[in-house]
Amino acid sequence: MGEALKQRIHQQHFDSPSVEAMFNLWIAADYMAQKADAVCAEFGISRAQFNVLRILKGVHPDGHPRCEIMRRMLEKAPDVTRLVDRLEAQGLALRDRSEDDRRLSITKISPAGLELLEKMEPGMKAMGDHFAERVSRRDCRELSRICEGLYGEGE
């Protein structure tokens, strides 16, 4: 494989190609996560909060109960209730009671949440463009196939 990993972690050989690939995947994922964290930090939210807002925007003007938000998150968060509490405190999300079941809370994105995502769009797009400049469309499809093979069915 390449030399970047060897130089980064100052290690010349690995137990197997799979170990080397796994380390490369961890480093690449961390690299992209740090880029996303930086964009989110500019706007005073976490990557997990961005993820929740992104999910809620996808169903706007409707919302989702907490369990559905949890199911759709890119990275599993241990306490979605607390994430939603913080978004609500910032005025970025709203909670309503379900008409059918008054015990069920539905979270929706607020107008301020939609506005924030719009403001964040250039930074997130730049991050996506950075990725696209370094990884061809063909390699993107192959990378997606490989990743889905890791976390897909049969987990």
N, C-alpha and C. Protein backbone atom coordinates (compact mmCIF):
# COMPACT_ATOMS: atom_id res chain seq x y z
N MET A 1 0.85 -1.18 0.00
CA MET A 1 0.00 0.00 0.00
C MET A 1 0.89 1.24 0.00
N GLY A 2 0.29 2.38 0.31
CA GLY A 2 0.99 3.64 0.24
C GLY A 2 1.91 3.89 1.41
N GLU A 3 2.60 5.01 1.32
CA GLU A 3 3.57 5.39 2.34
C GLU A 3 3.00 6.34 3.38
N ALA A 4 1.85 6.97 3.11
CA ALA A 4 1.31 7.99 4.01
C ALA A 4 1.06 7.43 5.42
N LEU A 5 0.48 6.24 5.49
CA LEU A 5 0.21 5.64 6.80
C LEU A 5 1.51 5.35 7.54
N LYS A 6 2.47 4.78 6.84
CA LYS A 6 3.76 4.45 7.47
C LYS A 6 4.42 5.70 8.04
N GLN A 7 4.37 6.79 7.28
CA GLN A 7 4.96 8.04 7.74
C GLN A 7 4.16 8.64 8.89
N ARG A 8 2.85 8.54 8.80
CA ARG A 8 2.00 9.15 9.83
C ARG A 8 2.18 8.51 11.20
N ILE A 9 2.20 7.16 11.21
CA ILE A 9 2.28 6.49 12.52
C ILE A 9 3.67 5.91 12.80
N HIS A 10 4.62 6.22 11.92
CA HIS A 10 6.01 5.79 12.12
C HIS A 10 6.11 4.28 12.34
N GLN A 11 5.50 3.57 11.42
CA GLN A 11 5.53 2.11 11.47
C GLN A 11 5.79 1.62 10.05
N GLN A 12 6.72 0.71 9.90
CA GLN A 12 7.13 0.28 8.56
C GLN A 12 6.42 -0.96 8.04
N HIS A 13 5.94 -1.81 8.94
CA HIS A 13 5.21 -2.98 8.45
C HIS A 13 4.03 -3.27 9.36
N PHE A 14 3.09 -4.00 8.82
CA PHE A 14 1.85 -4.31 9.52
C PHE A 14 1.64 -5.82 9.49
N ASP A 15 0.88 -6.32 10.43
CA ASP A 15 0.66 -7.77 10.53
C ASP A 15 0.03 -8.35 9.26
N SER A 16 -0.79 -7.53 8.59
CA SER A 16 -1.44 -8.00 7.38
C SER A 16 -1.96 -6.80 6.60
N PRO A 17 -2.27 -7.01 5.33
CA PRO A 17 -2.87 -5.92 4.55
C PRO A 17 -4.20 -5.45 5.16
N SER A 18 -4.94 -6.36 5.78
CA SER A 18 -6.22 -5.96 6.38
C SER A 18 -6.01 -5.02 7.56
N VAL A 19 -4.97 -5.25 8.36
CA VAL A 19 -4.67 -4.35 9.48
C VAL A 19 -4.26 -2.98 8.94
N GLU A 20 -3.43 -2.96 7.91
CA GLU A 20 -3.02 -1.70 7.31
C GLU A 20 -4.23 -0.95 6.75
N ALA A 21 -5.11 -1.65 6.07
CA ALA A 21 -6.31 -1.02 5.50
C ALA A 21 -7.22 -0.50 6.61
N MET A 22 -7.36 -1.27 7.69
CA MET A 22 -8.19 -0.84 8.81
C MET A 22 -7.64 0.44 9.43
N PHE A 23 -6.33 0.50 9.63
CA PHE A 23 -5.72 1.71 10.18
C PHE A 23 -5.95 2.90 9.24
N ASN A 24 -5.80 2.67 7.94
CA ASN A 24 -6.04 3.73 6.97
C ASN A 24 -7.49 4.22 7.02
N LEU A 25 -8.41 3.30 7.17
CA LEU A 25 -9.82 3.66 7.26
C LEU A 25 -10.08 4.51 8.50
N TRP A 26 -9.53 4.12 9.63
CA TRP A 26 -9.70 4.90 10.87
C TRP A 26 -9.15 6.31 10.71
N ILE A 27 -7.98 6.42 10.13
CA ILE A 27 -7.36 7.73 9.98
C ILE A 27 -8.15 8.59 9.00
N ALA A 28 -8.58 8.00 7.89
CA ALA A 28 -9.38 8.76 6.91
C ALA A 28 -10.70 9.21 7.52
N ALA A 29 -11.36 8.33 8.26
CA ALA A 29 -12.64 8.69 8.90
C ALA A 29 -12.43 9.82 9.91
N ASP A 30 -11.35 9.73 10.68
CA ASP A 30 -11.05 10.77 11.66
C ASP A 30 -10.73 12.10 10.97
N TYR A 31 -10.02 12.04 9.87
CA TYR A 31 -9.68 13.24 9.09
C TYR A 31 -10.95 13.94 8.62
N MET A 32 -11.89 13.19 8.05
CA MET A 32 -13.13 13.78 7.56
C MET A 32 -13.99 14.27 8.73
N ALA A 33 -14.00 13.53 9.83
CA ALA A 33 -14.76 13.95 11.01
C ALA A 33 -14.23 15.27 11.56
N GLN A 34 -12.91 15.44 11.58
CA GLN A 34 -12.32 16.69 12.05
C GLN A 34 -12.72 17.87 11.16
N LYS A 35 -12.78 17.63 9.85
CA LYS A 35 -13.21 18.68 8.93
C LYS A 35 -14.67 19.06 9.21
N ALA A 36 -15.52 18.06 9.41
CA ALA A 36 -16.93 18.33 9.72
C ALA A 36 -17.07 19.02 11.07
N ASP A 37 -16.29 18.59 12.05
CA ASP A 37 -16.31 19.22 13.38
C ASP A 37 -15.97 20.70 13.28
N ALA A 38 -14.99 21.03 12.44
CA ALA A 38 -14.58 22.42 12.29
C ALA A 38 -15.70 23.28 11.70
N VAL A 39 -16.39 22.75 10.70
CA VAL A 39 -17.51 23.49 10.12
C VAL A 39 -18.60 23.68 11.17
N CYS A 40 -18.94 22.62 11.88
CA CYS A 40 -19.99 22.69 12.90
C CYS A 40 -19.62 23.67 14.01
N ALA A 41 -18.37 23.65 14.44
CA ALA A 41 -17.92 24.52 15.53
C ALA A 41 -18.07 25.99 15.17
N GLU A 42 -17.88 26.32 13.90
CA GLU A 42 -18.07 27.71 13.46
C GLU A 42 -19.48 28.21 13.77
N PHE A 43 -20.43 27.29 13.83
CA PHE A 43 -21.83 27.65 14.01
C PHE A 43 -22.37 27.25 15.38
N GLY A 44 -21.48 26.82 16.27
CA GLY A 44 -21.85 26.55 17.65
C GLY A 44 -22.64 25.28 17.89
N ILE A 45 -22.49 24.32 16.98
CA ILE A 45 -23.15 23.04 17.19
C ILE A 45 -22.15 21.90 17.00
N SER A 46 -22.53 20.73 17.47
CA SER A 46 -21.69 19.54 17.30
C SER A 46 -22.07 18.82 16.01
N ARG A 47 -21.22 17.92 15.60
CA ARG A 47 -21.52 17.10 14.42
C ARG A 47 -22.78 16.28 14.64
N ALA A 48 -22.98 15.76 15.85
CA ALA A 48 -24.19 14.99 16.15
C ALA A 48 -25.43 15.87 16.04
N GLN A 49 -25.33 17.12 16.51
CA GLN A 49 -26.47 18.03 16.39
C GLN A 49 -26.74 18.36 14.92
N PHE A 50 -25.68 18.54 14.14
CA PHE A 50 -25.85 18.76 12.70
C PHE A 50 -26.58 17.58 12.08
N ASN A 51 -26.18 16.40 12.47
CA ASN A 51 -26.80 15.18 11.95
C ASN A 51 -28.30 15.17 12.25
N VAL A 52 -28.68 15.51 13.48
CA VAL A 52 -30.10 15.55 13.85
C VAL A 52 -30.83 16.59 13.00
N LEU A 53 -30.25 17.78 12.85
CA LEU A 53 -30.89 18.82 12.04
C LEU A 53 -31.04 18.37 10.59
N ARG A 54 -30.03 17.70 10.07
CA ARG A 54 -30.08 17.19 8.69
C ARG A 54 -31.21 16.19 8.53
N ILE A 55 -31.37 15.32 9.52
CA ILE A 55 -32.46 14.32 9.50
C ILE A 55 -33.82 15.02 9.53
N LEU A 56 -33.94 16.00 10.41
CA LEU A 56 -35.22 16.70 10.55
C LEU A 56 -35.55 17.54 9.32
N LYS A 57 -34.52 18.11 8.70
CA LYS A 57 -34.76 18.87 7.46
C LYS A 57 -35.32 17.96 6.38
N GLY A 58 -34.88 16.72 6.36
CA GLY A 58 -35.32 15.77 5.35
C GLY A 58 -36.80 15.43 5.42
N VAL A 59 -37.42 15.67 6.56
CA VAL A 59 -38.86 15.38 6.70
C VAL A 59 -39.67 16.64 6.97
N HIS A 60 -39.01 17.80 6.87
CA HIS A 60 -39.69 19.07 7.12
C HIS A 60 -40.87 19.23 6.17
N PRO A 61 -42.04 19.66 6.59
CA PRO A 61 -42.37 20.26 7.88
C PRO A 61 -42.76 19.24 8.96
N ASP A 62 -42.76 17.96 8.61
CA ASP A 62 -43.06 16.95 9.62
C ASP A 62 -41.83 16.77 10.51
N GLY A 63 -41.91 15.86 11.42
CA GLY A 63 -40.79 15.57 12.30
C GLY A 63 -40.67 14.08 12.55
N HIS A 64 -39.87 13.75 13.52
CA HIS A 64 -39.66 12.34 13.88
C HIS A 64 -39.70 12.19 15.40
N PRO A 65 -40.15 11.04 15.87
CA PRO A 65 -39.96 10.73 17.29
C PRO A 65 -38.48 10.41 17.52
N ARG A 66 -38.08 10.46 18.76
CA ARG A 66 -36.67 10.24 19.15
C ARG A 66 -36.13 8.92 18.60
N CYS A 67 -36.91 7.86 18.67
CA CYS A 67 -36.42 6.54 18.22
C CYS A 67 -36.11 6.54 16.72
N GLU A 68 -36.86 7.29 15.93
CA GLU A 68 -36.61 7.34 14.49
C GLU A 68 -35.37 8.18 14.20
N ILE A 69 -35.18 9.24 14.96
CA ILE A 69 -33.96 10.05 14.81
C ILE A 69 -32.75 9.16 15.10
N MET A 70 -32.82 8.39 16.20
CA MET A 70 -31.71 7.50 16.56
C MET A 70 -31.41 6.52 15.43
N ARG A 71 -32.46 5.95 14.84
CA ARG A 71 -32.29 4.95 13.79
C ARG A 71 -31.60 5.53 12.55
N ARG A 72 -31.80 6.80 12.27
CA ARG A 72 -31.29 7.42 11.06
C ARG A 72 -29.94 8.11 11.21
N MET A 73 -29.42 8.17 12.42
CA MET A 73 -28.17 8.90 12.64
C MET A 73 -26.98 8.20 11.96
N LEU A 74 -26.07 9.01 11.43
CA LEU A 74 -24.87 8.47 10.80
C LEU A 74 -23.96 7.80 11.82
N GLU A 75 -23.84 8.43 12.97
CA GLU A 75 -23.06 7.86 14.08
C GLU A 75 -24.01 7.71 15.25
N LYS A 76 -24.02 6.57 15.85
CA LYS A 76 -24.92 6.32 16.97
C LYS A 76 -24.55 7.22 18.15
N ALA A 77 -25.56 7.88 18.69
CA ALA A 77 -25.36 8.76 19.85
C ALA A 77 -26.07 8.13 21.04
N PRO A 78 -25.43 8.10 22.20
CA PRO A 78 -26.02 7.44 23.35
C PRO A 78 -27.24 8.16 23.93
N ASP A 79 -27.32 9.47 23.73
CA ASP A 79 -28.42 10.20 24.35
C ASP A 79 -29.00 11.23 23.38
N VAL A 80 -29.87 10.76 22.51
CA VAL A 80 -30.52 11.64 21.53
C VAL A 80 -31.41 12.65 22.24
N THR A 81 -32.00 12.26 23.35
CA THR A 81 -32.85 13.20 24.10
C THR A 81 -32.06 14.44 24.48
N ARG A 82 -30.86 14.26 24.95
CA ARG A 82 -30.03 15.40 25.34
C ARG A 82 -29.63 16.25 24.12
N LEU A 83 -29.35 15.60 22.99
CA LEU A 83 -29.05 16.33 21.76
C LEU A 83 -30.23 17.21 21.36
N VAL A 84 -31.42 16.62 21.40
CA VAL A 84 -32.62 17.37 21.05
C VAL A 84 -32.88 18.48 22.06
N ASP A 85 -32.64 18.21 23.34
CA ASP A 85 -32.80 19.25 24.37
C ASP A 85 -31.93 20.47 24.04
N ARG A 86 -30.68 20.21 23.65
CA ARG A 86 -29.76 21.32 23.34
C ARG A 86 -30.21 22.08 22.09
N LEU A 87 -30.67 21.33 21.08
CA LEU A 87 -31.16 21.99 19.86
C LEU A 87 -32.40 22.83 20.17
N GLU A 88 -33.25 22.31 21.02
CA GLU A 88 -34.46 23.05 21.41
C GLU A 88 -34.07 24.31 22.20
N ALA A 89 -33.11 24.19 23.10
CA ALA A 89 -32.67 25.34 23.90
C ALA A 89 -32.05 26.42 23.01
N GLN A 90 -31.43 26.02 21.90
CA GLN A 90 -30.84 26.97 20.96
C GLN A 90 -31.87 27.51 19.96
N GLY A 91 -33.10 27.01 20.04
CA GLY A 91 -34.15 27.45 19.12
C GLY A 91 -34.04 26.83 17.75
N LEU A 92 -33.30 25.73 17.62
CA LEU A 92 -33.08 25.09 16.32
C LEU A 92 -34.04 23.94 16.05
N ALA A 93 -34.72 23.48 17.10
CA ALA A 93 -35.68 22.39 16.96
C ALA A 93 -36.87 22.68 17.88
N LEU A 94 -37.99 22.06 17.56
CA LEU A 94 -39.22 22.20 18.33
C LEU A 94 -39.75 20.80 18.63
N ARG A 95 -40.42 20.67 19.77
CA ARG A 95 -41.05 19.38 20.09
C ARG A 95 -42.55 19.57 20.19
N ASP A 96 -43.26 18.67 19.57
CA ASP A 96 -44.72 18.64 19.64
C ASP A 96 -45.15 17.28 20.14
N ARG A 97 -46.31 17.23 20.71
CA ARG A 97 -46.90 15.95 21.09
C ARG A 97 -47.66 15.39 19.90
N SER A 98 -47.59 14.09 19.73
CA SER A 98 -48.30 13.41 18.65
C SER A 98 -49.80 13.55 18.89
N GLU A 99 -50.54 13.78 17.81
CA GLU A 99 -52.00 13.85 17.90
C GLU A 99 -52.58 12.48 18.28
N ASP A 100 -51.97 11.42 17.76
CA ASP A 100 -52.47 10.06 17.99
C ASP A 100 -52.11 9.53 19.37
N ASP A 101 -50.93 9.87 19.86
CA ASP A 101 -50.46 9.35 21.14
C ASP A 101 -49.80 10.48 21.91
N ARG A 102 -50.49 11.04 22.86
CA ARG A 102 -50.01 12.22 23.60
C ARG A 102 -48.70 11.94 24.36
N ARG A 103 -48.35 10.66 24.56
CA ARG A 103 -47.09 10.33 25.24
C ARG A 103 -45.90 10.44 24.31
N LEU A 104 -46.16 10.47 23.00
CA LEU A 104 -45.10 10.48 21.99
C LEU A 104 -44.72 11.91 21.62
N SER A 105 -43.45 12.22 21.74
CA SER A 105 -42.92 13.54 21.40
C SER A 105 -42.36 13.49 19.99
N ILE A 106 -42.74 14.46 19.16
CA ILE A 106 -42.24 14.57 17.79
C ILE A 106 -41.34 15.80 17.72
N THR A 107 -40.12 15.61 17.23
CA THR A 107 -39.18 16.71 17.08
C THR A 107 -39.19 17.18 15.64
N LYS A 108 -39.25 18.51 15.48
CA LYS A 108 -39.25 19.13 14.16
C LYS A 108 -38.15 20.18 14.12
N ILE A 109 -37.66 20.44 12.92
CA ILE A 109 -36.67 21.50 12.76
C ILE A 109 -37.41 22.84 12.77
N SER A 110 -36.83 23.83 13.42
CA SER A 110 -37.43 25.16 13.49
C SER A 110 -36.96 26.00 12.30
N PRO A 111 -37.62 27.13 12.06
CA PRO A 111 -37.12 28.04 11.01
C PRO A 111 -35.66 28.44 11.25
N ALA A 112 -35.28 28.65 12.51
CA ALA A 112 -33.89 28.99 12.82
C ALA A 112 -32.96 27.82 12.48
N GLY A 113 -33.41 26.59 12.69
CA GLY A 113 -32.62 25.41 12.34
C GLY A 113 -32.42 25.32 10.83
N LEU A 114 -33.47 25.59 10.07
CA LEU A 114 -33.36 25.59 8.61
C LEU A 114 -32.39 26.68 8.14
N GLU A 115 -32.47 27.83 8.77
CA GLU A 115 -31.58 28.94 8.42
C GLU A 115 -30.12 28.59 8.74
N LEU A 116 -29.91 27.95 9.88
CA LEU A 116 -28.55 27.55 10.25
C LEU A 116 -27.98 26.57 9.23
N LEU A 117 -28.77 25.56 8.83
CA LEU A 117 -28.27 24.60 7.83
C LEU A 117 -27.94 25.29 6.52
N GLU A 118 -28.73 26.29 6.15
CA GLU A 118 -28.45 27.04 4.93
C GLU A 118 -27.12 27.79 5.04
N LYS A 119 -26.86 28.37 6.21
CA LYS A 119 -25.60 29.08 6.44
C LYS A 119 -24.42 28.11 6.44
N MET A 120 -24.64 26.89 6.90
CA MET A 120 -23.58 25.89 6.97
C MET A 120 -23.28 25.25 5.63
N GLU A 121 -24.19 25.37 4.69
CA GLU A 121 -24.08 24.68 3.41
C GLU A 121 -22.76 24.94 2.68
N PRO A 122 -22.27 26.18 2.58
CA PRO A 122 -20.99 26.37 1.87
C PRO A 122 -19.82 25.61 2.51
N GLY A 123 -19.76 25.58 3.83
CA GLY A 123 -18.69 24.85 4.50
C GLY A 123 -18.80 23.35 4.29
N MET A 124 -20.01 22.82 4.36
CA MET A 124 -20.21 21.39 4.13
C MET A 124 -19.95 21.03 2.67
N LYS A 125 -20.35 21.91 1.77
CA LYS A 125 -20.10 21.66 0.34
C LYS A 125 -18.59 21.67 0.07
N ALA A 126 -17.88 22.60 0.68
CA ALA A 126 -16.42 22.66 0.49
C ALA A 126 -15.77 21.36 0.97
N MET A 127 -16.28 20.82 2.07
CA MET A 127 -15.75 19.56 2.57
C MET A 127 -16.02 18.43 1.57
N GLY A 128 -17.22 18.40 1.01
CA GLY A 128 -17.55 17.40 0.00
C GLY A 128 -16.73 17.57 -1.26
N ASP A 129 -16.49 18.82 -1.65
CA ASP A 129 -15.66 19.09 -2.83
C ASP A 129 -14.23 18.62 -2.59
N HIS A 130 -13.72 18.85 -1.39
CA HIS A 130 -12.37 18.41 -1.03
C HIS A 130 -12.27 16.88 -1.20
N PHE A 131 -13.29 16.18 -0.74
CA PHE A 131 -13.31 14.72 -0.86
C PHE A 131 -13.35 14.32 -2.34
N ALA A 132 -14.24 14.96 -3.11
CA ALA A 132 -14.42 14.62 -4.53
C ALA A 132 -13.16 14.91 -5.35
N GLU A 133 -12.38 15.90 -4.93
CA GLU A 133 -11.12 16.20 -5.63
C GLU A 133 -10.09 15.10 -5.46
N ARG A 134 -10.19 14.36 -4.37
CA ARG A 134 -9.18 13.37 -4.05
C ARG A 134 -9.61 11.92 -4.33
N VAL A 135 -10.92 11.73 -4.52
CA VAL A 135 -11.43 10.38 -4.73
C VAL A 135 -12.33 10.40 -5.97
N SER A 136 -11.98 9.62 -6.96
CA SER A 136 -12.74 9.60 -8.22
C SER A 136 -14.14 9.02 -7.98
N ARG A 137 -15.04 9.29 -8.91
CA ARG A 137 -16.41 8.74 -8.81
C ARG A 137 -16.35 7.20 -8.75
N ARG A 138 -15.50 6.62 -9.58
CA ARG A 138 -15.37 5.16 -9.59
C ARG A 138 -14.89 4.66 -8.22
N ASP A 139 -13.87 5.34 -7.67
CA ASP A 139 -13.36 4.94 -6.36
C ASP A 139 -14.39 5.20 -5.26
N CYS A 140 -15.20 6.24 -5.42
CA CYS A 140 -16.27 6.49 -4.44
C CYS A 140 -17.26 5.32 -4.40
N ARG A 141 -17.64 4.85 -5.58
CA ARG A 141 -18.55 3.70 -5.63
C ARG A 141 -17.91 2.46 -4.99
N GLU A 142 -16.62 2.24 -5.29
CA GLU A 142 -15.91 1.10 -4.72
C GLU A 142 -15.76 1.25 -3.21
N LEU A 143 -15.44 2.45 -2.76
CA LEU A 143 -15.32 2.70 -1.32
C LEU A 143 -16.65 2.46 -0.62
N SER A 144 -17.73 2.93 -1.21
CA SER A 144 -19.06 2.69 -0.62
C SER A 144 -19.36 1.20 -0.55
N ARG A 145 -19.04 0.47 -1.61
CA ARG A 145 -19.26 -0.98 -1.61
C ARG A 145 -18.46 -1.65 -0.50
N ILE A 146 -17.21 -1.25 -0.34
CA ILE A 146 -16.35 -1.85 0.68
C ILE A 146 -16.89 -1.52 2.08
N CYS A 147 -17.21 -0.25 2.30
CA CYS A 147 -17.72 0.15 3.62
C CYS A 147 -19.02 -0.57 3.96
N GLU A 148 -19.92 -0.65 2.99
CA GLU A 148 -21.18 -1.34 3.24
C GLU A 148 -20.95 -2.82 3.53
N GLY A 149 -19.90 -3.39 2.94
CA GLY A 149 -19.55 -4.76 3.25
C GLY A 149 -19.11 -4.93 4.69
N LEU A 150 -18.52 -3.86 5.26
CA LEU A 150 -18.08 -3.91 6.64
C LEU A 150 -19.23 -3.80 7.64
N TYR A 151 -20.13 -2.85 7.41
CA TYR A 151 -21.17 -2.60 8.41
C TYR A 151 -22.56 -3.06 7.98
N GLY A 152 -22.72 -3.56 6.79
CA GLY A 152 -24.03 -3.96 6.29
C GLY A 152 -24.57 -5.19 7.01
N GLU A 153 -25.56 -5.80 6.40
CA GLU A 153 -26.21 -6.97 6.99
C GLU A 153 -25.20 -8.01 7.43
N GLY A 154 -25.52 -8.70 8.48
CA GLY A 154 -24.63 -9.72 9.03
C GLY A 154 -23.69 -9.16 10.06
N GLU A 155 -24.02 -7.98 10.57
CA GLU A 155 -23.19 -7.30 11.57
C GLU A 155 -22.90 -8.15 12.77
